[in-house]
N, C-alpha and C. Protein backbone atom coordinates (compact mmCIF):
# COMPACT_ATOMS: atom_id res chain seq x y z
N MET A 1 79.13 144.23 103.25
CA MET A 1 77.83 143.75 103.18
C MET A 1 77.41 143.27 101.78
N THR A 2 76.82 142.01 101.84
CA THR A 2 76.52 141.02 100.88
C THR A 2 75.05 141.66 100.27
N ASP A 3 75.16 141.31 98.62
CA ASP A 3 73.73 141.82 98.06
C ASP A 3 73.02 140.44 98.40
N THR A 4 71.74 140.66 98.75
CA THR A 4 70.68 139.67 99.05
C THR A 4 69.54 139.26 98.16
N HIS A 5 69.50 139.81 97.10
CA HIS A 5 68.85 139.81 96.00
C HIS A 5 69.81 138.87 94.79
N LEU A 6 68.75 137.77 94.06
CA LEU A 6 69.23 137.39 93.33
C LEU A 6 69.46 138.15 91.57
N HIS A 7 70.63 137.92 91.47
CA HIS A 7 70.59 138.81 89.82
C HIS A 7 69.98 137.76 89.04
N CYS A 8 69.42 138.24 87.94
CA CYS A 8 68.09 136.98 87.22
C CYS A 8 68.91 137.17 85.95
N HIS A 9 69.87 135.76 86.03
CA HIS A 9 70.80 135.65 85.18
C HIS A 9 69.92 134.07 84.00
N HIS A 10 69.18 133.46 85.22
CA HIS A 10 68.36 132.26 84.77
C HIS A 10 67.29 131.84 85.21
N ALA A 11 66.24 131.91 84.80
CA ALA A 11 65.12 131.85 85.18
C ALA A 11 64.62 130.48 86.33
N GLU A 12 65.70 129.65 85.91
CA GLU A 12 65.35 128.49 87.06
C GLU A 12 66.58 128.53 88.11
N THR A 13 66.97 129.51 88.37
CA THR A 13 68.00 130.09 89.59
C THR A 13 67.54 129.75 90.97
N ALA A 14 66.37 130.68 90.83
CA ALA A 14 65.68 130.48 92.37
C ALA A 14 65.10 129.53 92.58
N GLU A 15 64.44 128.79 91.79
CA GLU A 15 63.89 127.52 91.73
C GLU A 15 64.80 126.37 92.55
N ILE A 16 65.76 126.06 91.79
CA ILE A 16 67.18 125.31 92.27
C ILE A 16 67.42 125.80 93.85
N ILE A 17 67.63 126.94 93.90
CA ILE A 17 68.17 127.49 95.11
C ILE A 17 66.71 127.16 96.34
N CYS A 18 65.47 126.94 95.80
CA CYS A 18 64.51 126.52 96.90
C CYS A 18 64.62 125.04 96.79
N SER A 19 64.99 124.40 95.93
CA SER A 19 65.52 122.85 96.10
C SER A 19 66.39 122.22 96.71
N LEU A 20 67.44 122.98 96.82
CA LEU A 20 68.74 122.89 97.50
C LEU A 20 68.13 121.92 98.76
N PRO A 21 69.10 120.68 99.28
CA PRO A 21 68.80 120.15 100.59
C PRO A 21 68.92 121.00 101.30
N GLN A 22 68.96 120.61 102.60
CA GLN A 22 68.82 121.10 103.86
C GLN A 22 70.45 121.28 104.70
N ASP A 23 70.84 121.62 105.12
CA ASP A 23 72.45 122.26 105.37
C ASP A 23 72.81 120.59 106.04
N GLY A 24 72.09 119.98 106.58
CA GLY A 24 72.83 118.49 107.41
C GLY A 24 72.74 117.50 106.42
N VAL A 25 71.74 117.52 105.31
CA VAL A 25 71.70 116.56 104.38
C VAL A 25 73.42 117.11 103.75
N ILE A 26 73.34 118.17 103.39
CA ILE A 26 74.70 118.46 102.52
C ILE A 26 76.15 118.47 103.31
N GLU A 27 75.84 118.64 104.80
CA GLU A 27 77.06 118.26 105.80
C GLU A 27 76.94 116.62 105.72
N LYS A 28 76.21 115.79 105.32
CA LYS A 28 76.08 114.46 105.58
C LYS A 28 76.87 114.33 104.56
N VAL A 29 76.82 114.17 103.60
CA VAL A 29 77.05 114.02 102.22
C VAL A 29 78.95 114.79 101.80
N SER A 30 78.82 115.93 102.38
CA SER A 30 80.39 116.03 102.21
C SER A 30 81.26 115.29 103.42
N ALA A 31 80.46 114.97 104.29
CA ALA A 31 81.66 114.24 105.42
C ALA A 31 81.84 112.57 104.86
N THR A 32 80.80 111.87 103.43
CA THR A 32 80.74 111.00 103.21
C THR A 32 82.11 111.05 101.89
N PHE A 33 81.99 112.23 101.43
CA PHE A 33 83.01 112.53 100.49
C PHE A 33 84.51 112.66 100.78
N GLN A 34 84.37 112.92 102.20
CA GLN A 34 85.63 113.53 102.96
C GLN A 34 86.15 112.36 103.38
N LEU A 35 85.40 110.97 104.10
CA LEU A 35 85.67 109.68 104.16
C LEU A 35 86.35 109.19 103.08
N ILE A 36 85.62 108.93 102.08
CA ILE A 36 86.56 108.06 100.97
C ILE A 36 87.43 108.73 99.94
N SER A 37 87.66 110.03 100.37
CA SER A 37 88.71 110.57 99.70
C SER A 37 89.96 110.26 100.41
N ASP A 38 90.23 109.28 101.64
CA ASP A 38 91.59 108.78 101.89
C ASP A 38 91.65 107.78 100.84
N PRO A 39 92.90 107.60 100.64
CA PRO A 39 93.12 106.55 99.73
C PRO A 39 92.99 104.99 100.14
N THR A 40 93.20 105.13 101.40
CA THR A 40 93.16 103.63 102.12
C THR A 40 91.51 103.07 102.43
N ARG A 41 90.88 103.78 102.47
CA ARG A 41 89.38 103.78 102.41
C ARG A 41 89.16 103.58 101.82
N LEU A 42 89.22 104.18 100.36
CA LEU A 42 88.69 104.23 98.81
C LEU A 42 88.84 102.81 98.66
N LYS A 43 90.41 102.41 98.61
CA LYS A 43 90.76 101.09 98.05
C LYS A 43 89.66 99.59 99.32
N ILE A 44 89.71 100.20 100.50
CA ILE A 44 89.09 98.90 101.14
C ILE A 44 87.50 99.05 100.56
N LEU A 45 87.10 100.34 100.37
CA LEU A 45 85.40 100.19 99.61
C LEU A 45 85.63 99.39 98.85
N LEU A 46 86.26 99.96 97.51
CA LEU A 46 86.48 99.22 96.31
C LEU A 46 86.52 97.65 96.54
N LEU A 47 87.52 97.26 97.25
CA LEU A 47 87.71 95.87 97.42
C LEU A 47 86.33 95.05 97.93
N LEU A 48 85.49 96.22 99.14
CA LEU A 48 84.10 95.40 99.90
C LEU A 48 82.99 95.71 98.97
N CYS A 49 83.11 96.29 97.62
CA CYS A 49 82.02 96.83 96.58
C CYS A 49 81.90 95.01 96.11
N HIS A 50 82.85 94.57 96.00
CA HIS A 50 82.68 93.09 95.05
C HIS A 50 83.33 91.75 96.15
N CYS A 51 83.49 91.57 97.09
CA CYS A 51 83.56 90.52 98.26
C CYS A 51 83.27 90.79 99.33
N GLU A 52 83.20 90.21 100.43
CA GLU A 52 83.26 90.04 101.93
C GLU A 52 83.93 89.71 102.51
N GLU A 53 84.85 90.15 102.89
CA GLU A 53 86.38 89.73 103.32
C GLU A 53 86.76 89.90 105.19
N CYS A 54 87.17 89.36 105.86
CA CYS A 54 87.97 89.45 106.96
C CYS A 54 88.71 90.59 107.26
N VAL A 55 88.66 90.90 108.56
CA VAL A 55 89.95 92.21 108.52
C VAL A 55 91.68 91.86 108.13
N ASN A 56 91.93 90.46 108.50
CA ASN A 56 93.16 90.21 107.89
C ASN A 56 93.11 90.11 106.51
N ASN A 57 92.13 89.77 105.79
CA ASN A 57 92.58 89.57 104.39
C ASN A 57 92.65 91.21 103.67
N ILE A 58 91.74 91.78 104.33
CA ILE A 58 91.83 93.25 103.92
C ILE A 58 92.89 93.90 103.97
N ALA A 59 93.62 93.71 105.61
CA ALA A 59 95.05 93.99 105.69
C ALA A 59 96.08 93.93 104.74
N VAL A 60 96.04 92.62 104.24
CA VAL A 60 97.08 92.28 103.64
C VAL A 60 96.72 92.59 102.20
N ALA A 61 95.53 93.03 101.71
CA ALA A 61 95.13 93.64 100.50
C ALA A 61 95.72 95.26 100.03
N VAL A 62 95.62 95.76 101.48
CA VAL A 62 96.15 97.33 101.56
C VAL A 62 97.30 97.56 102.38
N ASN A 63 98.04 96.45 102.52
CA ASN A 63 99.35 96.36 103.24
C ASN A 63 99.34 97.11 104.30
N MET A 64 98.45 97.19 105.05
CA MET A 64 98.59 97.87 106.39
C MET A 64 98.44 96.99 107.42
N SER A 65 98.54 96.88 108.85
CA SER A 65 98.26 96.29 110.26
C SER A 65 96.73 96.17 110.23
N ALA A 66 96.50 95.21 110.95
CA ALA A 66 95.22 94.58 111.14
C ALA A 66 94.02 95.98 112.27
N PRO A 67 95.09 96.20 112.79
CA PRO A 67 94.47 97.49 113.57
C PRO A 67 94.08 98.67 112.80
N ALA A 68 95.23 99.15 112.24
CA ALA A 68 95.01 99.96 111.35
C ALA A 68 93.88 99.57 110.46
N VAL A 69 93.68 98.85 109.86
CA VAL A 69 92.32 98.66 108.99
C VAL A 69 90.93 98.64 109.89
N SER A 70 91.21 98.14 110.99
CA SER A 70 90.03 98.08 111.80
C SER A 70 89.57 99.64 112.28
N HIS A 71 90.28 100.47 112.10
CA HIS A 71 89.98 101.94 112.57
C HIS A 71 89.60 102.32 111.22
N HIS A 72 89.65 102.06 109.94
CA HIS A 72 89.38 102.42 109.09
C HIS A 72 87.98 102.07 108.71
N LEU A 73 87.91 100.71 109.07
CA LEU A 73 86.43 99.87 109.08
C LEU A 73 85.21 100.63 109.60
N ARG A 74 85.85 100.75 111.07
CA ARG A 74 85.14 101.51 111.94
C ARG A 74 84.53 102.76 111.54
N LEU A 75 85.09 103.20 111.08
CA LEU A 75 84.59 104.89 110.38
C LEU A 75 83.92 104.61 108.97
N LEU A 76 84.04 103.31 108.00
CA LEU A 76 83.16 103.16 106.98
C LEU A 76 81.78 102.75 107.63
N LYS A 77 82.29 102.17 109.10
CA LYS A 77 80.91 101.19 109.08
C LYS A 77 80.21 102.37 110.09
N GLN A 78 80.59 103.16 110.52
CA GLN A 78 80.26 104.32 111.12
C GLN A 78 79.09 105.10 110.51
N ALA A 79 79.61 105.08 109.10
CA ALA A 79 78.85 106.08 108.15
C ALA A 79 77.76 105.43 107.52
N GLY A 80 77.77 104.06 107.83
CA GLY A 80 76.73 103.45 106.84
C GLY A 80 76.95 102.56 105.68
N LEU A 81 78.18 102.76 105.23
CA LEU A 81 78.60 102.33 103.77
C LEU A 81 78.92 100.76 103.99
N ILE A 82 79.53 100.46 105.21
CA ILE A 82 79.45 98.84 105.00
C ILE A 82 78.86 98.48 106.35
N SER A 83 78.64 96.69 106.59
CA SER A 83 78.05 96.31 107.50
C SER A 83 79.06 95.21 107.56
N SER A 84 78.66 94.60 108.52
CA SER A 84 79.74 93.00 109.03
C SER A 84 78.80 92.26 109.74
N ARG A 85 79.23 91.10 109.90
CA ARG A 85 78.36 89.97 110.34
C ARG A 85 79.62 89.03 110.93
N ARG A 86 79.38 88.25 111.81
CA ARG A 86 80.37 87.30 112.43
C ARG A 86 80.37 86.14 112.02
N LEU A 87 81.33 85.32 111.35
CA LEU A 87 81.10 83.92 111.24
C LEU A 87 82.75 83.62 112.06
N GLY A 88 82.20 82.78 112.69
CA GLY A 88 82.83 82.30 114.23
C GLY A 88 83.56 83.06 114.71
N LYS A 89 84.94 83.18 115.12
CA LYS A 89 85.83 84.15 115.63
C LYS A 89 85.94 85.55 114.94
N GLU A 90 85.50 84.94 113.17
CA GLU A 90 85.95 86.56 112.66
C GLU A 90 84.71 87.15 112.05
N ILE A 91 85.19 88.41 112.17
CA ILE A 91 84.37 89.54 111.46
C ILE A 91 84.37 89.79 109.90
N HIS A 92 83.42 89.59 109.47
CA HIS A 92 83.77 89.82 107.95
C HIS A 92 82.83 91.24 107.44
N TYR A 93 83.16 91.74 106.48
CA TYR A 93 82.28 92.81 106.03
C TYR A 93 82.15 93.10 104.72
N LYS A 94 81.31 93.85 104.03
CA LYS A 94 80.99 94.30 102.91
C LYS A 94 80.35 95.56 102.71
N LEU A 95 79.73 95.53 101.68
CA LEU A 95 79.48 96.97 101.47
C LEU A 95 77.60 96.81 101.73
N SER A 96 77.28 97.79 102.12
CA SER A 96 76.15 98.22 102.99
C SER A 96 74.95 97.77 101.61
N ASP A 97 73.72 97.52 102.06
CA ASP A 97 73.15 97.49 101.23
C ASP A 97 71.74 98.35 100.85
N THR A 98 72.38 99.77 101.33
CA THR A 98 71.74 101.17 101.31
C THR A 98 71.99 101.48 100.09
N PRO A 99 71.01 102.71 99.45
CA PRO A 99 70.89 103.51 98.33
C PRO A 99 72.36 104.08 98.24
N GLU A 100 72.71 104.59 99.02
CA GLU A 100 73.92 105.52 99.30
C GLU A 100 75.23 104.65 99.12
N ALA A 101 75.35 103.36 99.41
CA ALA A 101 76.54 102.61 99.33
C ALA A 101 76.68 101.75 97.96
N GLN A 102 75.13 101.61 97.50
CA GLN A 102 75.12 101.38 96.06
C GLN A 102 75.31 102.27 95.18
N LEU A 103 75.09 103.43 95.31
CA LEU A 103 75.72 104.08 94.16
C LEU A 103 77.00 104.35 94.16
N LEU A 104 77.93 104.75 95.58
CA LEU A 104 79.27 104.77 95.55
C LEU A 104 79.84 103.42 94.86
N HIS A 105 78.94 102.18 94.96
CA HIS A 105 79.75 101.06 93.98
C HIS A 105 79.83 101.26 92.68
N ARG A 106 78.26 101.85 92.32
CA ARG A 106 78.35 102.21 90.67
C ARG A 106 79.36 102.93 90.46
N SER A 107 79.36 104.19 91.05
CA SER A 107 80.30 105.12 91.01
C SER A 107 81.82 105.07 90.98
N ILE A 108 82.35 103.87 91.94
CA ILE A 108 83.40 103.30 92.12
C ILE A 108 83.69 102.63 90.78
N ASP A 109 82.73 101.54 90.36
CA ASP A 109 83.08 100.89 89.20
C ASP A 109 83.25 101.74 88.00
N ASP A 110 82.08 102.58 87.76
CA ASP A 110 82.66 103.66 86.51
C ASP A 110 83.81 104.19 86.40
N ILE A 111 84.30 105.27 87.47
CA ILE A 111 85.58 105.61 87.75
C ILE A 111 86.55 104.56 87.22
N PHE A 112 86.92 103.47 87.94
CA PHE A 112 87.72 102.79 87.64
C PHE A 112 87.89 101.80 86.66
N ASP A 113 86.67 101.81 85.73
CA ASP A 113 86.10 100.78 85.16
C ASP A 113 86.30 99.77 85.24
N ILE A 114 85.67 99.13 86.22
CA ILE A 114 85.57 97.79 86.57
C ILE A 114 83.76 97.38 86.19
N ARG A 115 84.06 96.24 85.24
CA ARG A 115 82.62 95.41 85.30
C ARG A 115 82.12 94.43 86.29
N CYS A 116 81.34 95.05 87.11
CA CYS A 116 80.62 94.24 87.79
C CYS A 116 80.02 93.13 87.73
N HIS A 117 79.73 92.07 88.23
CA HIS A 117 78.97 91.08 87.96
C HIS A 117 77.58 90.92 89.15
N HIS A 118 77.89 91.84 90.35
CA HIS A 118 76.36 92.08 91.33
C HIS A 118 75.58 92.67 90.65
């Protein structure tokens, strides 16, 4: 049996609990962190924070095959972190212009101590 009453350690605890995001939002954020916890996807995201690239160049940068990179790109795109556009026969990828993707960009730059000109 669990205790369903708050222990009154801090006055703001109940207020914070009431303002917690809904479970769906928590699950989406958790899924994003799981997605970028993969070293390859993190490296791809780091690259795409700073330039737009095609699958082949990304594959060379992360030392993987183009099909393997395409799988990672698909997951990042489904999460809304990257976007793509067709240039001739190639598809080029870049970081999405969403608030979440831009926050990740700033966070990645801070974590890796990168001074970005964007």
